[in-house]
């Protein structure tokens, strides 16, 4: 792979990781705010409604993390692309 392609791939991976970290920071800030809102405005014996966005958004955050660190910008997409390319080349030579 050429130096230019390697640089572009490295930049793409770095941007994906930065995007995940920004998502993580926003998740923490917003969910701390929601917890404090619940804590300040209701009796602590009331149902903790803040867990719904915490869990729901948390699932999305985990999916984003898996995709960022184990999905597209790492080996999985590269290996699937290589396998697909090899299959297409094999079909084309027949």
N, C-alpha and C. Protein backbone atom coordinates (compact mmCIF):
# COMPACT_ATOMS: atom_id res chain seq x y z
N UNK A 1 0.86 -1.17 0.00
CA UNK A 1 0.00 0.00 0.00
C UNK A 1 0.90 1.24 0.00
N UNK A 2 0.51 2.25 -0.75
CA UNK A 2 1.33 3.45 -0.86
C UNK A 2 1.26 4.28 0.42
N UNK A 3 2.23 5.16 0.54
CA UNK A 3 2.30 6.05 1.72
C UNK A 3 1.05 6.92 1.83
N UNK A 4 0.56 7.40 0.69
CA UNK A 4 -0.63 8.26 0.69
C UNK A 4 -1.87 7.50 1.16
N UNK A 5 -2.03 6.26 0.69
CA UNK A 5 -3.17 5.45 1.11
C UNK A 5 -3.10 5.10 2.60
N UNK A 6 -1.89 4.81 3.07
CA UNK A 6 -1.72 4.52 4.49
C UNK A 6 -2.06 5.74 5.34
N UNK A 7 -1.64 6.90 4.89
CA UNK A 7 -1.93 8.14 5.61
C UNK A 7 -3.44 8.39 5.66
N UNK A 8 -4.14 8.18 4.54
CA UNK A 8 -5.59 8.37 4.50
C UNK A 8 -6.30 7.37 5.41
N UNK A 9 -5.84 6.12 5.42
CA UNK A 9 -6.43 5.11 6.29
C UNK A 9 -6.20 5.46 7.76
N UNK A 10 -5.00 5.90 8.08
CA UNK A 10 -4.70 6.28 9.46
C UNK A 10 -5.55 7.48 9.89
N UNK A 11 -5.75 8.43 9.00
CA UNK A 11 -6.58 9.60 9.31
C UNK A 11 -8.03 9.17 9.52
N UNK A 12 -8.52 8.28 8.68
CA UNK A 12 -9.90 7.78 8.80
C UNK A 12 -10.10 7.08 10.15
N UNK A 13 -9.14 6.26 10.54
CA UNK A 13 -9.22 5.56 11.82
C UNK A 13 -9.16 6.53 12.99
N UNK A 14 -8.30 7.53 12.89
CA UNK A 14 -8.18 8.52 13.97
C UNK A 14 -9.48 9.32 14.09
N UNK A 15 -10.08 9.71 12.97
CA UNK A 15 -11.33 10.46 13.01
C UNK A 15 -12.45 9.62 13.61
N UNK A 16 -12.48 8.33 13.31
CA UNK A 16 -13.50 7.45 13.87
C UNK A 16 -13.34 7.35 15.39
N UNK A 17 -12.12 7.25 15.86
CA UNK A 17 -11.87 7.17 17.30
C UNK A 17 -12.22 8.48 18.00
N UNK A 18 -11.86 9.59 17.39
CA UNK A 18 -12.21 10.89 17.97
C UNK A 18 -13.72 11.04 18.03
N UNK A 19 -14.42 10.62 16.99
CA UNK A 19 -15.87 10.66 16.98
C UNK A 19 -16.47 9.85 18.10
N UNK A 20 -15.91 8.69 18.37
CA UNK A 20 -16.40 7.87 19.48
C UNK A 20 -16.16 8.56 20.82
N UNK A 21 -14.97 9.11 21.01
CA UNK A 21 -14.67 9.78 22.29
C UNK A 21 -15.55 11.00 22.52
N UNK A 22 -15.85 11.74 21.47
CA UNK A 22 -16.77 12.87 21.59
C UNK A 22 -18.15 12.36 22.00
N UNK A 23 -18.60 11.29 21.38
CA UNK A 23 -19.89 10.68 21.72
C UNK A 23 -19.90 10.25 23.19
N UNK A 24 -18.82 9.64 23.65
CA UNK A 24 -18.72 9.19 25.03
C UNK A 24 -18.80 10.36 26.02
N UNK A 25 -18.08 11.43 25.73
CA UNK A 25 -18.09 12.60 26.62
C UNK A 25 -19.48 13.22 26.68
N UNK A 26 -20.13 13.35 25.53
CA UNK A 26 -21.48 13.91 25.51
C UNK A 26 -22.45 13.01 26.27
N UNK A 27 -22.30 11.71 26.11
CA UNK A 27 -23.13 10.75 26.83
C UNK A 27 -23.00 10.94 28.34
N UNK A 28 -21.79 11.03 28.81
CA UNK A 28 -21.55 11.19 30.25
C UNK A 28 -22.13 12.51 30.75
N UNK A 29 -21.86 13.60 30.05
CA UNK A 29 -22.34 14.91 30.48
C UNK A 29 -23.86 14.95 30.54
N UNK A 30 -24.52 14.51 29.48
CA UNK A 30 -25.99 14.56 29.44
C UNK A 30 -26.60 13.65 30.50
N UNK A 31 -26.05 12.46 30.67
CA UNK A 31 -26.64 11.54 31.64
C UNK A 31 -26.38 11.95 33.08
N UNK A 32 -25.27 12.60 33.34
CA UNK A 32 -25.06 13.19 34.68
C UNK A 32 -26.08 14.30 34.91
N UNK A 33 -26.32 15.12 33.88
CA UNK A 33 -27.32 16.17 33.99
C UNK A 33 -28.71 15.57 34.26
N UNK A 34 -29.08 14.53 33.53
CA UNK A 34 -30.39 13.90 33.74
C UNK A 34 -30.51 13.30 35.14
N UNK A 35 -29.44 12.69 35.61
CA UNK A 35 -29.45 12.16 36.97
C UNK A 35 -29.65 13.28 37.98
N UNK A 36 -28.91 14.37 37.83
CA UNK A 36 -29.03 15.49 38.76
C UNK A 36 -30.42 16.12 38.68
N UNK A 37 -30.98 16.20 37.48
CA UNK A 37 -32.33 16.71 37.32
C UNK A 37 -33.33 15.85 38.09
N UNK A 38 -33.21 14.55 37.95
CA UNK A 38 -34.08 13.62 38.69
C UNK A 38 -33.87 13.77 40.19
N UNK A 39 -32.63 13.83 40.62
CA UNK A 39 -32.29 13.90 42.03
C UNK A 39 -32.80 15.19 42.67
N UNK A 40 -32.69 16.31 41.95
CA UNK A 40 -33.08 17.60 42.51
C UNK A 40 -34.59 17.85 42.46
N UNK A 41 -35.27 17.26 41.51
CA UNK A 41 -36.69 17.58 41.33
C UNK A 41 -37.65 16.53 41.86
N UNK A 42 -37.17 15.43 42.35
CA UNK A 42 -38.08 14.39 42.83
C UNK A 42 -37.54 13.76 44.10
N UNK A 43 -38.43 13.09 44.76
CA UNK A 43 -38.05 12.33 45.94
C UNK A 43 -37.24 11.13 45.45
N UNK A 44 -36.16 10.81 46.12
CA UNK A 44 -35.30 9.72 45.66
C UNK A 44 -35.97 8.35 45.76
N UNK A 45 -37.13 8.28 46.40
CA UNK A 45 -37.86 7.01 46.43
C UNK A 45 -38.70 6.83 45.16
N UNK A 46 -38.83 7.89 44.35
CA UNK A 46 -39.57 7.78 43.09
C UNK A 46 -38.76 6.98 42.08
N UNK A 47 -39.45 6.49 41.07
CA UNK A 47 -38.80 5.69 40.04
C UNK A 47 -37.72 6.51 39.32
N UNK A 48 -36.53 5.97 39.18
CA UNK A 48 -35.44 6.70 38.52
C UNK A 48 -35.59 6.66 36.99
N UNK A 49 -36.37 7.58 36.46
CA UNK A 49 -36.68 7.62 35.04
C UNK A 49 -35.45 7.85 34.15
N UNK A 50 -34.40 8.38 34.73
CA UNK A 50 -33.20 8.68 33.94
C UNK A 50 -32.52 7.41 33.41
N UNK A 51 -32.89 6.25 33.96
CA UNK A 51 -32.24 5.02 33.48
C UNK A 51 -32.64 4.66 32.05
N UNK A 52 -33.83 5.11 31.61
CA UNK A 52 -34.24 4.80 30.23
C UNK A 52 -33.31 5.42 29.20
N UNK A 53 -33.06 6.73 29.25
CA UNK A 53 -32.08 7.26 28.27
C UNK A 53 -30.67 6.74 28.54
N UNK A 54 -30.34 6.48 29.79
CA UNK A 54 -29.01 5.97 30.14
C UNK A 54 -28.77 4.62 29.45
N UNK A 55 -29.73 3.72 29.59
CA UNK A 55 -29.57 2.38 29.00
C UNK A 55 -29.73 2.42 27.49
N UNK A 56 -30.76 3.12 27.00
CA UNK A 56 -30.99 3.17 25.57
C UNK A 56 -29.83 3.78 24.81
N UNK A 57 -29.38 4.92 25.28
CA UNK A 57 -28.25 5.58 24.64
C UNK A 57 -26.98 4.77 24.86
N UNK A 58 -26.89 4.11 26.01
CA UNK A 58 -25.72 3.27 26.30
C UNK A 58 -25.57 2.14 25.30
N UNK A 59 -26.70 1.56 24.88
CA UNK A 59 -26.65 0.50 23.87
C UNK A 59 -26.09 1.07 22.56
N UNK A 60 -26.56 2.25 22.20
CA UNK A 60 -26.03 2.90 20.99
C UNK A 60 -24.55 3.23 21.11
N UNK A 61 -24.14 3.65 22.29
CA UNK A 61 -22.74 3.98 22.52
C UNK A 61 -21.86 2.73 22.41
N UNK A 62 -22.32 1.62 22.98
CA UNK A 62 -21.57 0.37 22.87
C UNK A 62 -21.47 -0.06 21.41
N UNK A 63 -22.57 0.05 20.66
CA UNK A 63 -22.54 -0.30 19.24
C UNK A 63 -21.56 0.60 18.49
N UNK A 64 -21.56 1.89 18.81
CA UNK A 64 -20.61 2.82 18.18
C UNK A 64 -19.18 2.41 18.51
N UNK A 65 -18.92 2.04 19.76
CA UNK A 65 -17.58 1.62 20.15
C UNK A 65 -17.14 0.34 19.45
N UNK A 66 -18.03 -0.63 19.37
CA UNK A 66 -17.70 -1.89 18.69
C UNK A 66 -17.41 -1.61 17.22
N UNK A 67 -18.24 -0.81 16.59
CA UNK A 67 -18.03 -0.48 15.18
C UNK A 67 -16.71 0.27 14.99
N UNK A 68 -16.41 1.20 15.88
CA UNK A 68 -15.20 2.01 15.75
C UNK A 68 -13.94 1.18 15.96
N UNK A 69 -13.92 0.35 17.02
CA UNK A 69 -12.69 -0.35 17.37
C UNK A 69 -12.57 -1.75 16.79
N UNK A 70 -13.69 -2.36 16.40
CA UNK A 70 -13.63 -3.73 15.88
C UNK A 70 -14.32 -3.89 14.54
N UNK A 71 -14.89 -2.84 14.02
CA UNK A 71 -15.69 -2.95 12.81
C UNK A 71 -15.02 -2.39 11.59
N UNK A 72 -15.55 -1.28 11.11
CA UNK A 72 -15.20 -0.77 9.79
C UNK A 72 -13.75 -0.36 9.64
N UNK A 73 -13.23 0.35 10.61
CA UNK A 73 -11.90 0.93 10.41
C UNK A 73 -10.78 0.00 10.86
N UNK A 74 -11.12 -1.24 11.17
CA UNK A 74 -10.08 -2.19 11.54
C UNK A 74 -10.18 -3.42 10.65
N UNK A 75 -9.75 -4.52 11.13
CA UNK A 75 -9.60 -5.73 10.33
C UNK A 75 -10.85 -6.32 9.74
N UNK A 76 -12.00 -6.19 10.38
CA UNK A 76 -13.20 -6.86 9.89
C UNK A 76 -13.57 -6.39 8.49
N UNK A 77 -13.69 -5.08 8.31
CA UNK A 77 -14.05 -4.56 6.99
C UNK A 77 -12.97 -4.88 5.97
N UNK A 78 -11.72 -4.74 6.37
CA UNK A 78 -10.62 -5.03 5.44
C UNK A 78 -10.63 -6.49 5.01
N UNK A 79 -10.82 -7.41 5.95
CA UNK A 79 -10.81 -8.83 5.60
C UNK A 79 -12.02 -9.20 4.76
N UNK A 80 -13.19 -8.62 5.07
CA UNK A 80 -14.37 -8.89 4.27
C UNK A 80 -14.21 -8.35 2.85
N UNK A 81 -13.60 -7.19 2.73
CA UNK A 81 -13.35 -6.61 1.41
C UNK A 81 -12.40 -7.48 0.61
N UNK A 82 -11.34 -7.94 1.25
CA UNK A 82 -10.37 -8.80 0.57
C UNK A 82 -11.01 -10.10 0.12
N UNK A 83 -11.83 -10.72 0.99
CA UNK A 83 -12.52 -11.96 0.62
C UNK A 83 -13.47 -11.73 -0.55
N UNK A 84 -14.21 -10.63 -0.51
CA UNK A 84 -15.12 -10.31 -1.59
C UNK A 84 -14.40 -10.07 -2.90
N UNK A 85 -13.28 -9.37 -2.82
CA UNK A 85 -12.48 -9.09 -4.01
C UNK A 85 -11.92 -10.39 -4.59
N UNK A 86 -11.44 -11.26 -3.73
CA UNK A 86 -10.90 -12.54 -4.20
C UNK A 86 -12.01 -13.38 -4.85
N UNK A 87 -13.20 -13.36 -4.28
CA UNK A 87 -14.32 -14.11 -4.84
C UNK A 87 -14.69 -13.56 -6.22
N UNK A 88 -14.75 -12.23 -6.34
CA UNK A 88 -15.08 -11.61 -7.62
C UNK A 88 -14.01 -11.91 -8.68
N UNK A 89 -12.75 -11.89 -8.26
CA UNK A 89 -11.67 -12.23 -9.20
C UNK A 89 -11.77 -13.67 -9.66
N UNK A 90 -12.12 -14.57 -8.72
CA UNK A 90 -12.26 -15.99 -9.06
C UNK A 90 -13.43 -16.19 -10.03
N UNK A 91 -14.52 -15.47 -9.82
CA UNK A 91 -15.68 -15.60 -10.71
C UNK A 91 -15.37 -15.01 -12.08
N UNK A 92 -14.60 -13.94 -12.09
CA UNK A 92 -14.26 -13.28 -13.35
C UNK A 92 -13.33 -14.11 -14.21
N UNK A 93 -12.49 -14.94 -13.60
CA UNK A 93 -11.54 -15.74 -14.35
C UNK A 93 -12.19 -17.00 -14.91
N UNK A 94 -13.39 -17.32 -14.47
CA UNK A 94 -14.07 -18.54 -14.97
C UNK A 94 -14.72 -18.31 -16.29
